[in-house]
Amino acid sequence: YGSNVGSNHTGRIPDQETSVGEGTFWGLGCVIKFPVDLTSAPYSIIAAGVQLPPQRIGLPFSLITDGPGGMNQLTPGWLLHYSPYTIARSEVKFANRRTAKRHDFYTGWKILRGGVMDMLVDARDALLFPKVKSAKIFKGEKDIGGLGANQLTEKGRQIGIRAYTDALQRYALRGLLQRLVELVNSQKGLTLVEALHHVGLDDVVSQSSGGVGASSKPVVDWPVLPWNEASHSDPEALWKHQHSILMKEIPSIIRNGNGNDTLSQLLQKCIALEKDHAVRVYKSKSRDDVRGAATVPGYKDVHVAAEKDSVVLAAKEEAAMVQKEVILVEEALGGTAVRSRL
């Protein structure tokens, strides 16, 4: 696509390489100087014309652009925050292309899956606990682990924290909701206590004093291939991982919980995140519509508008489905706390 992905030569021996992260997008005319490792920064975008010096980056879904002072600027979680349409469309595209017969076992994986969530945990911890106490501009690994040879503004750091947190909580809460829906569809007359026990939230109040902590130094290693992750084909392994993420996230979701409204708060958060995701998917597509219509004559006549786009409509339908499933769970458990606020 017009990018210059480096030389494997230092002028001494050909012993350098690049490790391309899953879903990496090389912009037009970008220059990648070896060695580079983006395997811990999947679905990142290297903007057009950027010269990327040798480095290892550990902040997924990032946007890397030219920055002031000759140092590239990185915005962590940019794709999650500003362009979730890209991710949603890619998942649909991957699923539709899944036609292999003999290789079905390792195709059709989710982008926001267990292994990627683990990367988001590490990346968010690095942003939450920078190596310098305060700064308007963070520069390189000496300031924030995983930043590589780039700079990051305080605004960008906050964007990354929110983007990673929303993705982690949405992943965990959707797992919780699915577990509860399966439960209420298979058993009648359940109590709240029984439901909490089934999803491993019996002691959620006593455990909710924890939270995230500073991560250890990242290990330079290959990520697990998607089809080798335990959760790829094992629903129980997937739920176990979602539950582990949920337990870490509960302290930042539950506010003054007394045990009786814990589940309602979690399900309400699930609804809010799904609605927010649908809105962001729409906005990220509509920006292209506005720009295109203002630039190209007849653009609207030959392009599908955001409000009619299949990916946008699917995200909107997904948010509506989540809301219906929450109502189903609340009604089955005899509760009205969430339903009254919809």
C-alpha atoms as a PDB file:
ATOM      1  CA  TYR A   1       0.000   0.000   0.000  1.00  0.00           C
ATOM      2  CA  GLY A   2       2.934   2.347  -0.542  1.00  0.00           C
ATOM      3  CA  SER A   3       4.658   1.976   2.825  1.00  0.00           C
ATOM      4  CA  ASN A   4       8.362   1.301   3.133  1.00  0.00           C
ATOM      5  CA  VAL A   5       8.704  -1.449   5.708  1.00  0.00           C
ATOM      6  CA  GLY A   6      12.392  -1.249   6.393  1.00  0.00           C
ATOM      7  CA  SER A   7      15.538  -3.060   5.562  1.00  0.00           C
ATOM      8  CA  ASN A   8      16.704  -6.170   7.347  1.00  0.00           C
ATOM      9  CA  HIS A   9      20.233  -4.863   7.198  1.00  0.00           C
ATOM     10  CA  THR A  10      22.296  -2.678   9.536  1.00  0.00           C
ATOM     11  CA  GLY A  11      25.201  -2.417   7.137  1.00  0.00           C
ATOM     12  CA  ARG A  12      26.870  -5.232   9.063  1.00  0.00           C
ATOM     13  CA  ILE A  13      24.808  -8.429   8.744  1.00  0.00           C
ATOM     14  CA  PRO A  14      21.129  -9.008   7.790  1.00  0.00           C
ATOM     15  CA  ASP A  15      19.977  -9.763  11.349  1.00  0.00           C
ATOM     16  CA  GLN A  16      17.135  -7.268  11.893  1.00  0.00           C
ATOM     17  CA  GLU A  17      13.383  -7.721  11.431  1.00  0.00           C
ATOM     18  CA  THR A  18       9.936  -6.353  12.205  1.00  0.00           C
ATOM     19  CA  SER A  19       7.254  -8.206  14.144  1.00  0.00           C
ATOM     20  CA  VAL A  20       3.976  -6.939  12.729  1.00  0.00           C
ATOM     21  CA  GLY A  21       1.122  -6.727  15.212  1.00  0.00           C
ATOM     22  CA  GLU A  22      -2.255  -8.223  14.369  1.00  0.00           C
ATOM     23  CA  GLY A  23      -4.287  -5.759  12.329  1.00  0.00           C
ATOM     24  CA  THR A  24      -1.459  -3.231  11.938  1.00  0.00           C
ATOM     25  CA  PHE A  25      -2.242  -0.572   9.320  1.00  0.00           C
ATOM     26  CA  TRP A  26       0.739   0.952   7.536  1.00  0.00           C
ATOM     27  CA  GLY A  27      -0.096   4.426   6.181  1.00  0.00           C
ATOM     28  CA  LEU A  28       0.951   5.647   2.748  1.00  0.00           C
ATOM     29  CA  GLY A  29       4.614   6.517   2.564  1.00  0.00           C
ATOM     30  CA  CYS A  30       5.456   5.565   6.127  1.00  0.00           C
ATOM     31  CA  VAL A  31       8.994   4.346   6.739  1.00  0.00           C
ATOM     32  CA  ILE A  32       9.585   1.527   9.235  1.00  0.00           C
ATOM     33  CA  LYS A  33      13.148   1.143  10.435  1.00  0.00           C
ATOM     34  CA  PHE A  34      14.122  -2.266  11.836  1.00  0.00           C
ATOM     35  CA  PRO A  35      13.934  -3.674  14.423  1.00  0.00           C
ATOM     36  CA  VAL A  36      10.304  -2.951  15.348  1.00  0.00           C
ATOM     37  CA  ASP A  37       7.899  -5.051  17.436  1.00  0.00           C
ATOM     38  CA  LEU A  38       4.166  -4.215  17.341  1.00  0.00           C
ATOM     39  CA  THR A  39       2.847  -7.594  18.486  1.00  0.00           C
ATOM     40  CA  SER A  40       1.781  -6.082  21.826  1.00  0.00           C
ATOM     41  CA  ALA A  41       0.090  -3.173  20.055  1.00  0.00           C
ATOM     42  CA  PRO A  42      -2.445  -4.942  17.791  1.00  0.00           C
ATOM     43  CA  TYR A  43      -4.753  -2.956  15.514  1.00  0.00           C
ATOM     44  CA  SER A  44      -2.596   0.145  15.614  1.00  0.00           C
ATOM     45  CA  ILE A  45      -2.344   2.678  12.802  1.00  0.00           C
ATOM     46  CA  ILE A  46       0.925   4.156  11.556  1.00  0.00           C
ATOM     47  CA  ALA A  47      -0.213   7.366   9.846  1.00  0.00           C
ATOM     48  CA  ALA A  48       0.852   8.390   6.359  1.00  0.00           C
ATOM     49  CA  GLY A  49       4.388   9.704   6.080  1.00  0.00           C
ATOM     50  CA  VAL A  50       5.476   8.672   9.577  1.00  0.00           C
ATOM     51  CA  GLN A  51       9.057   7.492  10.038  1.00  0.00           C
ATOM     52  CA  LEU A  52       9.047   4.868  12.764  1.00  0.00           C
ATOM     53  CA  PRO A  53      12.471   4.339  14.386  1.00  0.00           C
ATOM     54  CA  PRO A  54      13.500   1.022  15.983  1.00  0.00           C
ATOM     55  CA  GLN A  55      11.338   0.312  19.039  1.00  0.00           C
ATOM     56  CA  ARG A  56       8.864  -1.937  20.795  1.00  0.00           C
ATOM     57  CA  ILE A  57       5.339  -0.600  21.425  1.00  0.00           C
ATOM     58  CA  GLY A  58       2.926  -2.099  23.971  1.00  0.00           C
ATOM     59  CA  LEU A  59      -0.149   0.148  23.689  1.00  0.00           C
ATOM     60  CA  PRO A  60      -2.863  -1.527  21.549  1.00  0.00           C
ATOM     61  CA  PHE A  61      -5.261   0.197  19.124  1.00  0.00           C
ATOM     62  CA  SER A  62      -2.974   3.232  18.939  1.00  0.00           C
ATOM     63  CA  LEU A  63      -2.591   5.971  16.355  1.00  0.00           C
ATOM     64  CA  ILE A  64       0.966   7.114  15.635  1.00  0.00           C
ATOM     65  CA  THR A  65       1.410  10.430  13.847  1.00  0.00           C
ATOM     66  CA  ASP A  66       4.166  12.964  13.245  1.00  0.00           C
ATOM     67  CA  GLY A  67       4.782  14.926  16.420  1.00  0.00           C
ATOM     68  CA  PRO A  68       6.473  18.181  17.395  1.00  0.00           C
ATOM     69  CA  GLY A  69      10.204  18.253  17.953  1.00  0.00           C
ATOM     70  CA  GLY A  70      10.914  15.397  15.566  1.00  0.00           C
ATOM     71  CA  MET A  71       9.401  12.752  17.864  1.00  0.00           C
ATOM     72  CA  ASN A  72       6.296  10.832  16.768  1.00  0.00           C
ATOM     73  CA  GLN A  73       3.122  11.279  18.814  1.00  0.00           C
ATOM     74  CA  LEU A  74       1.154   8.241  19.978  1.00  0.00           C
ATOM     75  CA  THR A  75      -2.495   8.220  21.071  1.00  0.00           C
ATOM     76  CA  PRO A  76      -3.256   4.935  22.879  1.00  0.00           C
ATOM     77  CA  GLY A  77      -6.634   3.320  22.314  1.00  0.00           C
ATOM     78  CA  TRP A  78      -7.410   5.763  19.485  1.00  0.00           C
ATOM     79  CA  LEU A  79      -9.160   3.119  17.390  1.00  0.00           C
ATOM     80  CA  LEU A  80     -11.363   2.060  20.323  1.00  0.00           C
ATOM     81  CA  HIS A  81     -12.269   5.632  21.225  1.00  0.00           C
ATOM     82  CA  TYR A  82     -12.542   7.424  17.883  1.00  0.00           C
ATOM     83  CA  SER A  83     -13.005   4.707  15.273  1.00  0.00           C
ATOM     84  CA  PRO A  84     -14.824   1.669  16.717  1.00  0.00           C
ATOM     85  CA  TYR A  85     -16.549   1.366  13.329  1.00  0.00           C
ATOM     86  CA  THR A  86     -13.243   0.019  12.009  1.00  0.00           C
ATOM     87  CA  ILE A  87     -13.202  -2.770  14.590  1.00  0.00           C
ATOM     88  CA  ALA A  88     -16.902  -3.613  14.204  1.00  0.00           C
ATOM     89  CA  ARG A  89     -16.612  -3.738  10.407  1.00  0.00           C
ATOM     90  CA  SER A  90     -13.486  -5.896  10.590  1.00  0.00           C
ATOM     91  CA  GLU A  91     -15.202  -8.473  12.793  1.00  0.00           C
ATOM     92  CA  VAL A  92     -18.125  -8.668  10.346  1.00  0.00           C
ATOM     93  CA  LYS A  93     -15.683  -8.924   7.438  1.00  0.00           C
ATOM     94  CA  PHE A  94     -13.680 -11.688   9.098  1.00  0.00           C
ATOM     95  CA  ALA A  95     -16.845 -13.667   9.871  1.00  0.00           C
ATOM     96  CA  ASN A  96     -18.175 -13.350   6.305  1.00  0.00           C
ATOM     97  CA  ARG A  97     -14.867 -14.536   4.866  1.00  0.00           C
ATOM     98  CA  ARG A  98     -14.863 -17.611   7.072  1.00  0.00           C
ATOM     99  CA  THR A  99     -15.393 -20.177   4.327  1.00  0.00           C
ATOM    100  CA  ALA A 100     -12.473 -22.557   4.911  1.00  0.00           C
ATOM    101  CA  LYS A 101     -13.622 -26.123   5.539  1.00  0.00           C
ATOM    102  CA  ARG A 102     -10.484 -27.835   6.817  1.00  0.00           C
ATOM    103  CA  HIS A 103      -9.244 -24.777   8.753  1.00  0.00           C
ATOM    104  CA  ASP A 104     -12.445 -23.792  10.535  1.00  0.00           C
ATOM    105  CA  PHE A 105     -10.924 -24.438  13.960  1.00  0.00           C
ATOM    106  CA  TYR A 106      -8.623 -21.441  13.754  1.00  0.00           C
ATOM    107  CA  THR A 107     -10.664 -18.920  11.781  1.00  0.00           C
ATOM    108  CA  GLY A 108     -13.315 -16.444  12.800  1.00  0.00           C
ATOM    109  CA  TRP A 109     -11.809 -15.245  16.073  1.00  0.00           C
ATOM    110  CA  LYS A 110     -12.974 -12.117  17.870  1.00  0.00           C
ATOM    111  CA  ILE A 111     -10.778  -9.021  17.893  1.00  0.00           C
ATOM    112  CA  LEU A 112     -11.718  -8.113  21.476  1.00  0.00           C
ATOM    113  CA  ARG A 113     -10.904 -11.504  22.968  1.00  0.00           C
ATOM    114  CA  GLY A 114      -9.120 -12.764  26.070  1.00  0.00           C
ATOM    115  CA  GLY A 115      -5.530 -12.372  24.893  1.00  0.00           C
ATOM    116  CA  VAL A 116      -6.157  -8.833  23.661  1.00  0.00           C
ATOM    117  CA  MET A 117      -7.914  -7.951  26.919  1.00  0.00           C
ATOM    118  CA  ASP A 118      -4.816  -9.029  28.829  1.00  0.00           C
ATOM    119  CA  MET A 119      -2.794  -6.615  26.685  1.00  0.00           C
ATOM    120  CA  LEU A 120      -5.282  -3.846  27.505  1.00  0.00           C
ATOM    121  CA  VAL A 121      -4.886  -4.526  31.229  1.00  0.00           C
ATOM    122  CA  ASP A 122      -1.107  -4.143  30.980  1.00  0.00           C
ATOM    123  CA  ALA A 123      -1.394  -1.074  28.768  1.00  0.00           C
ATOM    124  CA  ARG A 124      -3.887   0.656  31.045  1.00  0.00           C
ATOM    125  CA  ASP A 125      -1.736  -0.055  34.090  1.00  0.00           C
ATOM    126  CA  ALA A 126       1.222   1.518  32.300  1.00  0.00           C
ATOM    127  CA  LEU A 127      -0.859   4.631  31.598  1.00  0.00           C
ATOM    128  CA  LEU A 128      -2.297   4.788  35.114  1.00  0.00           C
ATOM    129  CA  PHE A 129       1.105   4.484  36.736  1.00  0.00           C
ATOM    130  CA  PRO A 130       3.660   6.379  34.617  1.00  0.00           C
ATOM    131  CA  LYS A 131       7.273   6.310  35.672  1.00  0.00           C
ATOM    132  CA  VAL A 132       7.215  10.089  36.152  1.00  0.00           C
ATOM    133  CA  LYS A 133       4.741  11.589  38.609  1.00  0.00           C
ATOM    134  CA  SER A 134       3.388  14.372  36.420  1.00  0.00           C
ATOM    135  CA  ALA A 135       4.083  15.757  32.970  1.00  0.00           C
ATOM    136  CA  LYS A 136       2.322  17.556  30.151  1.00  0.00           C
ATOM    137  CA  ILE A 137       4.264  15.468  27.651  1.00  0.00           C
ATOM    138  CA  PHE A 138       5.510  11.929  28.318  1.00  0.00           C
ATOM    139  CA  LYS A 139       8.489  10.843  26.232  1.00  0.00           C
ATOM    140  CA  GLY A 140       9.499   7.272  25.523  1.00  0.00           C
ATOM    141  CA  GLU A 141       9.938   4.207  27.687  1.00  0.00           C
ATOM    142  CA  LYS A 142      11.633   6.189  30.440  1.00  0.00           C
ATOM    143  CA  ASP A 143       8.282   7.885  31.154  1.00  0.00           C
ATOM    144  CA  ILE A 144       5.674   5.226  30.298  1.00  0.00           C
ATOM    145  CA  GLY A 145       6.191   1.536  29.658  1.00  0.00           C
ATOM    146  CA  GLY A 146       5.110   0.478  26.181  1.00  0.00           C
ATOM    147  CA  LEU A 147       5.379   3.993  24.725  1.00  0.00           C
ATOM    148  CA  GLY A 148       8.400   3.020  22.661  1.00  0.00           C
ATOM    149  CA  ALA A 149      10.247   5.894  21.025  1.00  0.00           C
ATOM    150  CA  ASN A 150       7.173   8.137  20.941  1.00  0.00           C
ATOM    151  CA  GLN A 151       5.678  10.992  22.930  1.00  0.00           C
ATOM    152  CA  LEU A 152       2.257  11.143  24.590  1.00  0.00           C
ATOM    153  CA  THR A 153       0.260  14.115  25.830  1.00  0.00           C
ATOM    154  CA  GLU A 154      -1.639  14.069  29.120  1.00  0.00           C
ATOM    155  CA  LYS A 155      -4.865  14.324  27.123  1.00  0.00           C
ATOM    156  CA  GLY A 156      -3.798  11.297  25.106  1.00  0.00           C
ATOM    157  CA  ARG A 157      -3.020   9.379  28.285  1.00  0.00           C
ATOM    158  CA  GLN A 158      -6.529  10.039  29.594  1.00  0.00           C
ATOM    159  CA  ILE A 159      -8.044   8.989  26.259  1.00  0.00           C
ATOM    160  CA  GLY A 160      -6.141   5.712  26.445  1.00  0.00           C
ATOM    161  CA  ILE A 161      -7.191   5.019  30.035  1.00  0.00           C
ATOM    162  CA  ARG A 162     -10.853   5.556  29.207  1.00  0.00           C
ATOM    163  CA  ALA A 163     -10.714   3.584  25.955  1.00  0.00           C
ATOM    164  CA  TYR A 164      -9.027   0.585  27.576  1.00  0.00           C
ATOM    165  CA  THR A 165     -11.297   0.703  30.641  1.00  0.00           C
ATOM    166  CA  ASP A 166     -14.486   0.845  28.567  1.00  0.00           C
ATOM    167  CA  ALA A 167     -13.332  -2.069  26.393  1.00  0.00           C
ATOM    168  CA  LEU A 168     -12.388  -4.200  29.404  1.00  0.00           C
ATOM    169  CA  GLN A 169     -15.629  -3.515  31.243  1.00  0.00           C
ATOM    170  CA  ARG A 170     -17.770  -4.067  28.156  1.00  0.00           C
ATOM    171  CA  TYR A 171     -16.043  -7.419  27.550  1.00  0.00           C
ATOM    172  CA  ALA A 172     -16.526  -8.565  31.146  1.00  0.00           C
ATOM    173  CA  LEU A 173     -20.086  -7.288  31.561  1.00  0.00           C
ATOM    174  CA  ARG A 174     -21.273  -8.852  28.316  1.00  0.00           C
ATOM    175  CA  GLY A 175     -19.958 -12.157  29.626  1.00  0.00           C
ATOM    176  CA  LEU A 176     -21.848 -11.609  32.886  1.00  0.00           C
ATOM    177  CA  LEU A 177     -25.070 -10.801  31.045  1.00  0.00           C
ATOM    178  CA  GLN A 178     -24.787 -13.837  28.784  1.00  0.00           C
ATOM    179  CA  ARG A 179     -24.230 -16.050  31.815  1.00  0.00           C
ATOM    180  CA  LEU A 180     -27.304 -14.639  33.540  1.00  0.00           C
ATOM    181  CA  VAL A 181     -29.502 -14.920  30.451  1.00  0.00           C
ATOM    182  CA  GLU A 182     -28.577 -18.588  30.076  1.00  0.00           C
ATOM    183  CA  LEU A 183     -29.366 -19.120  33.755  1.00  0.00           C
ATOM    184  CA  VAL A 184     -32.818 -17.491  33.792  1.00  0.00           C
ATOM    185  CA  ASN A 185     -33.760 -19.255  30.558  1.00  0.00           C
ATOM    186  CA  SER A 186     -32.918 -22.645  32.044  1.00  0.00           C
ATOM    187  CA  GLN A 187     -34.291 -22.208  35.584  1.00  0.00           C
ATOM    188  CA  LYS A 188     -37.401 -20.579  36.979  1.00  0.00           C
ATOM    189  CA  GLY A 189     -38.032 -19.031  40.386  1.00  0.00           C
ATOM    190  CA  LEU A 190     -34.438 -17.947  40.956  1.00  0.00           C
ATOM    191  CA  THR A 191     -33.498 -15.628  43.784  1.00  0.00           C
ATOM    192  CA  LEU A 192     -30.960 -12.819  43.603  1.00  0.00           C
ATOM    193  CA  VAL A 193     -28.687 -14.732  45.978  1.00  0.00           C
ATOM    194  CA  GLU A 194     -28.742 -17.781  43.717  1.00  0.00           C
ATOM    195  CA  ALA A 195     -27.987 -15.650  40.659  1.00  0.00           C
ATOM    196  CA  LEU A 196     -25.058 -13.938  42.366  1.00  0.00           C
ATOM    197  CA  HIS A 197     -23.689 -17.310  43.428  1.00  0.00           C
ATOM    198  CA  HIS A 198     -23.994 -18.671  39.882  1.00  0.00           C
ATOM    199  CA  VAL A 199     -21.887 -15.842  38.469  1.00  0.00           C
ATOM    200  CA  GLY A 200     -19.365 -15.867  41.303  1.00  0.00           C
ATOM    201  CA  LEU A 201     -20.356 -12.568  42.873  1.00  0.00           C
ATOM    202  CA  ASP A 202     -21.336 -13.814  46.337  1.00  0.00           C
ATOM    203  CA  ASP A 203     -18.649 -11.794  48.098  1.00  0.00           C
ATOM    204  CA  VAL A 204     -18.539  -8.893  45.675  1.00  0.00           C
ATOM    205  CA  VAL A 205     -18.978  -6.253  48.400  1.00  0.00           C
ATOM    206  CA  SER A 206     -16.111  -7.519  50.519  1.00  0.00           C
ATOM    207  CA  GLN A 207     -13.884  -7.912  47.463  1.00  0.00           C
ATOM    208  CA  SER A 208     -14.700  -4.543  45.913  1.00  0.00           C
ATOM    209  CA  SER A 209     -12.011  -2.682  47.823  1.00  0.00           C
ATOM    210  CA  GLY A 210      -9.326  -3.830  45.415  1.00  0.00           C
ATOM    211  CA  GLY A 211      -8.519  -2.455  42.009  1.00  0.00           C
ATOM    212  CA  VAL A 212      -5.751  -2.034  39.513  1.00  0.00           C
ATOM    213  CA  GLY A 213      -2.142  -1.692  40.496  1.00  0.00           C
ATOM    214  CA  ALA A 214       1.126  -0.849  38.864  1.00  0.00           C
ATOM    215  CA  SER A 215       2.071  -3.534  36.370  1.00  0.00           C
ATOM    216  CA  SER A 216       5.399  -5.294  36.363  1.00  0.00           C
ATOM    217  CA  LYS A 217       8.011  -4.787  33.669  1.00  0.00           C
ATOM    218  CA  PRO A 218       6.648  -6.128  30.350  1.00  0.00           C
ATOM    219  CA  VAL A 219       8.073  -9.402  29.086  1.00  0.00           C
ATOM    220  CA  VAL A 220       9.379  -9.496  25.525  1.00  0.00           C
ATOM    221  CA  ASP A 221       7.599 -12.554  24.152  1.00  0.00           C
ATOM    222  CA  TRP A 222       5.296 -13.657  21.363  1.00  0.00           C
ATOM    223  CA  PRO A 223       1.549 -13.304  21.960  1.00  0.00           C
ATOM    224  CA  VAL A 224      -0.585 -16.446  21.980  1.00  0.00           C
ATOM    225  CA  LEU A 225      -2.162 -17.087  18.588  1.00  0.00           C
ATOM    226  CA  PRO A 226      -5.936 -16.473  18.641  1.00  0.00           C
ATOM    227  CA  TRP A 227      -6.870 -20.081  17.888  1.00  0.00           C
ATOM    228  CA  ASN A 228      -4.537 -21.331  20.641  1.00  0.00           C
ATOM    229  CA  GLU A 229      -6.272 -19.301  23.348  1.00  0.00           C
ATOM    230  CA  ALA A 230      -8.300 -21.524  25.658  1.00  0.00           C
ATOM    231  CA  SER A 231     -11.324 -19.250  25.326  1.00  0.00           C
ATOM    232  CA  HIS A 232     -11.383 -19.533  21.521  1.00  0.00           C
ATOM    233  CA  SER A 233     -13.430 -22.714  21.516  1.00  0.00           C
ATOM    234  CA  ASP A 234     -14.265 -23.264  25.215  1.00  0.00           C
ATOM    235  CA  PRO A 235     -17.202 -21.182  26.581  1.00  0.00           C
ATOM    236  CA  GLU A 236     -16.286 -22.034  30.174  1.00  0.00           C
ATOM    237  CA  ALA A 237     -12.716 -20.830  29.668  1.00  0.00           C
ATOM    238  CA  LEU A 238     -14.088 -17.643  28.116  1.00  0.00           C
ATOM    239  CA  TRP A 239     -16.381 -16.992  31.083  1.00  0.00           C
ATOM    240  CA  LYS A 240     -13.572 -17.733  33.529  1.00  0.00           C
ATOM    241  CA  HIS A 241     -11.456 -15.072  31.854  1.00  0.00           C
ATOM    242  CA  GLN A 242     -14.341 -12.581  31.659  1.00  0.00           C
ATOM    243  CA  HIS A 243     -15.038 -13.171  35.354  1.00  0.00           C
ATOM    244  CA  SER A 244     -11.409 -12.516  36.278  1.00  0.00           C
ATOM    245  CA  ILE A 245     -11.546  -9.187  34.415  1.00  0.00           C
ATOM    246  CA  LEU A 246     -14.891  -8.353  36.002  1.00  0.00           C
ATOM    247  CA  MET A 247     -13.564  -8.850  39.527  1.00  0.00           C
ATOM    248  CA  LYS A 248     -10.756  -6.379  38.804  1.00  0.00           C
ATOM    249  CA  GLU A 249     -13.167  -3.827  37.339  1.00  0.00           C
ATOM    250  CA  ILE A 250     -15.916  -3.981  39.974  1.00  0.00           C
ATOM    251  CA  PRO A 251     -14.327  -1.387  42.299  1.00  0.00           C
ATOM    252  CA  SER A 252     -14.574   1.262  39.570  1.00  0.00           C
ATOM    253  CA  ILE A 253     -18.148   0.297  38.618  1.00  0.00           C
ATOM    254  CA  ILE A 254     -19.871  -0.215  41.959  1.00  0.00           C
ATOM    255  CA  ARG A 255     -20.427   2.993  43.889  1.00  0.00           C
ATOM    256  CA  ASN A 256     -21.477   2.593  47.539  1.00  0.00           C
ATOM    257  CA  GLY A 257     -22.901  -0.840  46.869  1.00  0.00           C
ATOM    258  CA  ASN A 258     -24.605  -2.658  49.737  1.00  0.00           C
ATOM    259  CA  GLY A 259     -24.966  -6.025  48.036  1.00  0.00           C
ATOM    260  CA  ASN A 260     -28.646  -5.631  47.181  1.00  0.00           C
ATOM    261  CA  ASP A 261     -28.134  -3.404  44.158  1.00  0.00           C
ATOM    262  CA  THR A 262     -24.749  -4.738  43.035  1.00  0.00           C
ATOM    263  CA  LEU A 263     -26.172  -6.684  40.111  1.00  0.00           C
ATOM    264  CA  SER A 264     -28.378  -3.785  39.050  1.00  0.00           C
ATOM    265  CA  GLN A 265     -25.398  -1.437  38.941  1.00  0.00           C
ATOM    266  CA  LEU A 266     -23.381  -3.890  36.878  1.00  0.00           C
ATOM    267  CA  LEU A 267     -26.199  -4.468  34.390  1.00  0.00           C
ATOM    268  CA  GLN A 268     -26.918  -0.751  34.124  1.00  0.00           C
ATOM    269  CA  LYS A 269     -23.253  -0.174  33.314  1.00  0.00           C
ATOM    270  CA  CYS A 270     -23.467  -2.871  30.647  1.00  0.00           C
ATOM    271  CA  ILE A 271     -26.381  -1.045  29.008  1.00  0.00           C
ATOM    272  CA  ALA A 272     -24.583   2.301  29.175  1.00  0.00           C
ATOM    273  CA  LEU A 273     -21.388   0.930  27.617  1.00  0.00           C
ATOM    274  CA  GLU A 274     -23.254  -0.783  24.798  1.00  0.00           C
ATOM    275  CA  LYS A 275     -25.240   2.364  23.990  1.00  0.00           C
ATOM    276  CA  ASP A 276     -22.069   4.438  24.056  1.00  0.00           C
ATOM    277  CA  HIS A 277     -20.363   1.951  21.738  1.00  0.00           C
ATOM    278  CA  ALA A 278     -23.242   2.132  19.244  1.00  0.00           C
ATOM    279  CA  VAL A 279     -23.107   5.949  19.280  1.00  0.00           C
ATOM    280  CA  ARG A 280     -19.353   5.944  18.707  1.00  0.00           C
ATOM    281  CA  VAL A 281     -19.669   3.468  15.825  1.00  0.00           C
ATOM    282  CA  TYR A 282     -22.206   5.815  14.205  1.00  0.00           C
ATOM    283  CA  LYS A 283     -20.122   8.939  14.796  1.00  0.00           C
ATOM    284  CA  SER A 284     -16.940   7.396  13.409  1.00  0.00           C
ATOM    285  CA  LYS A 285     -18.757   6.516  10.161  1.00  0.00           C
ATOM    286  CA  SER A 286     -20.704   9.786   9.920  1.00  0.00           C
ATOM    287  CA  ARG A 287     -17.481  11.828  10.061  1.00  0.00           C
ATOM    288  CA  ASP A 288     -16.494  10.269   6.725  1.00  0.00           C
ATOM    289  CA  ASP A 289     -19.923  11.101   5.311  1.00  0.00           C
ATOM    290  CA  VAL A 290     -19.619  14.769   6.269  1.00  0.00           C
ATOM    291  CA  ARG A 291     -16.102  15.089   4.914  1.00  0.00           C
ATOM    292  CA  GLY A 292     -16.920  13.238   1.706  1.00  0.00           C
ATOM    293  CA  ALA A 293     -20.056  15.273   0.982  1.00  0.00           C
ATOM    294  CA  ALA A 294     -18.135  18.501   1.552  1.00  0.00           C
ATOM    295  CA  THR A 295     -15.345  17.423  -0.799  1.00  0.00           C
ATOM    296  CA  VAL A 296     -16.650  15.209  -3.614  1.00  0.00           C
ATOM    297  CA  PRO A 297     -19.619  16.197  -5.830  1.00  0.00           C
ATOM    298  CA  GLY A 298     -22.371  13.584  -5.723  1.00  0.00           C
ATOM    299  CA  TYR A 299     -20.785  11.758  -2.761  1.00  0.00           C
ATOM    300  CA  LYS A 300     -24.149  11.135  -1.074  1.00  0.00           C
ATOM    301  CA  ASP A 301     -25.572   9.577  -4.237  1.00  0.00           C
ATOM    302  CA  VAL A 302     -23.068   6.729  -4.368  1.00  0.00           C
ATOM    303  CA  HIS A 303     -22.197   6.088  -0.706  1.00  0.00           C
ATOM    304  CA  VAL A 304     -24.267   4.488   2.038  1.00  0.00           C
ATOM    305  CA  ALA A 305     -25.027   7.014   4.776  1.00  0.00           C
ATOM    306  CA  ALA A 306     -24.096   6.164   8.358  1.00  0.00           C
ATOM    307  CA  GLU A 307     -27.717   5.817   9.471  1.00  0.00           C
ATOM    308  CA  LYS A 308     -28.248   3.132   6.803  1.00  0.00           C
ATOM    309  CA  ASP A 309     -24.883   1.394   7.100  1.00  0.00           C
ATOM    310  CA  SER A 310     -25.169  -2.289   8.029  1.00  0.00           C
ATOM    311  CA  VAL A 311     -22.350  -2.128  10.596  1.00  0.00           C
ATOM    312  CA  VAL A 312     -23.882   0.918  12.298  1.00  0.00           C
ATOM    313  CA  LEU A 313     -27.329  -0.706  12.330  1.00  0.00           C
ATOM    314  CA  ALA A 314     -25.864  -3.925  13.770  1.00  0.00           C
ATOM    315  CA  ALA A 315     -24.236  -1.982  16.635  1.00  0.00           C
ATOM    316  CA  LYS A 316     -27.527  -0.221  17.327  1.00  0.00           C
ATOM    317  CA  GLU A 317     -29.407  -3.530  17.306  1.00  0.00           C
ATOM    318  CA  GLU A 318     -26.808  -5.031  19.628  1.00  0.00           C
ATOM    319  CA  ALA A 319     -27.364  -2.229  22.139  1.00  0.00           C
ATOM    320  CA  ALA A 320     -31.138  -2.751  21.961  1.00  0.00           C
ATOM    321  CA  MET A 321     -30.699  -6.493  22.465  1.00  0.00           C
ATOM    322  CA  VAL A 322     -28.554  -5.916  25.560  1.00  0.00           C
ATOM    323  CA  GLN A 323     -31.240  -3.692  27.039  1.00  0.00           C
ATOM    324  CA  LYS A 324     -33.907  -6.339  26.397  1.00  0.00           C
ATOM    325  CA  GLU A 325     -31.746  -9.047  27.955  1.00  0.00           C
ATOM    326  CA  VAL A 326     -31.185  -6.931  31.060  1.00  0.00           C
ATOM    327  CA  ILE A 327     -34.952  -6.493  31.417  1.00  0.00           C
ATOM    328  CA  LEU A 328     -35.373 -10.257  31.012  1.00  0.00           C
ATOM    329  CA  VAL A 329     -32.886 -10.937  33.796  1.00  0.00           C
ATOM    330  CA  GLU A 330     -34.366  -8.314  36.118  1.00  0.00           C
ATOM    331  CA  GLU A 331     -37.896  -9.620  35.618  1.00  0.00           C
ATOM    332  CA  ALA A 332     -36.779 -13.213  36.212  1.00  0.00           C
ATOM    333  CA  LEU A 333     -35.121 -12.177  39.471  1.00  0.00           C
ATOM    334  CA  GLY A 334     -38.059 -10.036  40.539  1.00  0.00           C
ATOM    335  CA  GLY A 335     -36.122  -6.784  40.448  1.00  0.00           C
ATOM    336  CA  THR A 336     -37.070  -3.374  39.096  1.00  0.00           C
ATOM    337  CA  ALA A 337     -34.023  -1.247  39.946  1.00  0.00           C
ATOM    338  CA  VAL A 338     -32.526  -1.314  36.463  1.00  0.00           C
ATOM    339  CA  ARG A 339     -35.808  -1.441  34.569  1.00  0.00           C
ATOM    340  CA  SER A 340     -37.096   1.729  36.267  1.00  0.00           C
ATOM    341  CA  ARG A 341     -34.081   3.692  35.030  1.00  0.00           C
ATOM    342  CA  LEU A 342     -34.244   2.627  31.365  1.00  0.00           C
END
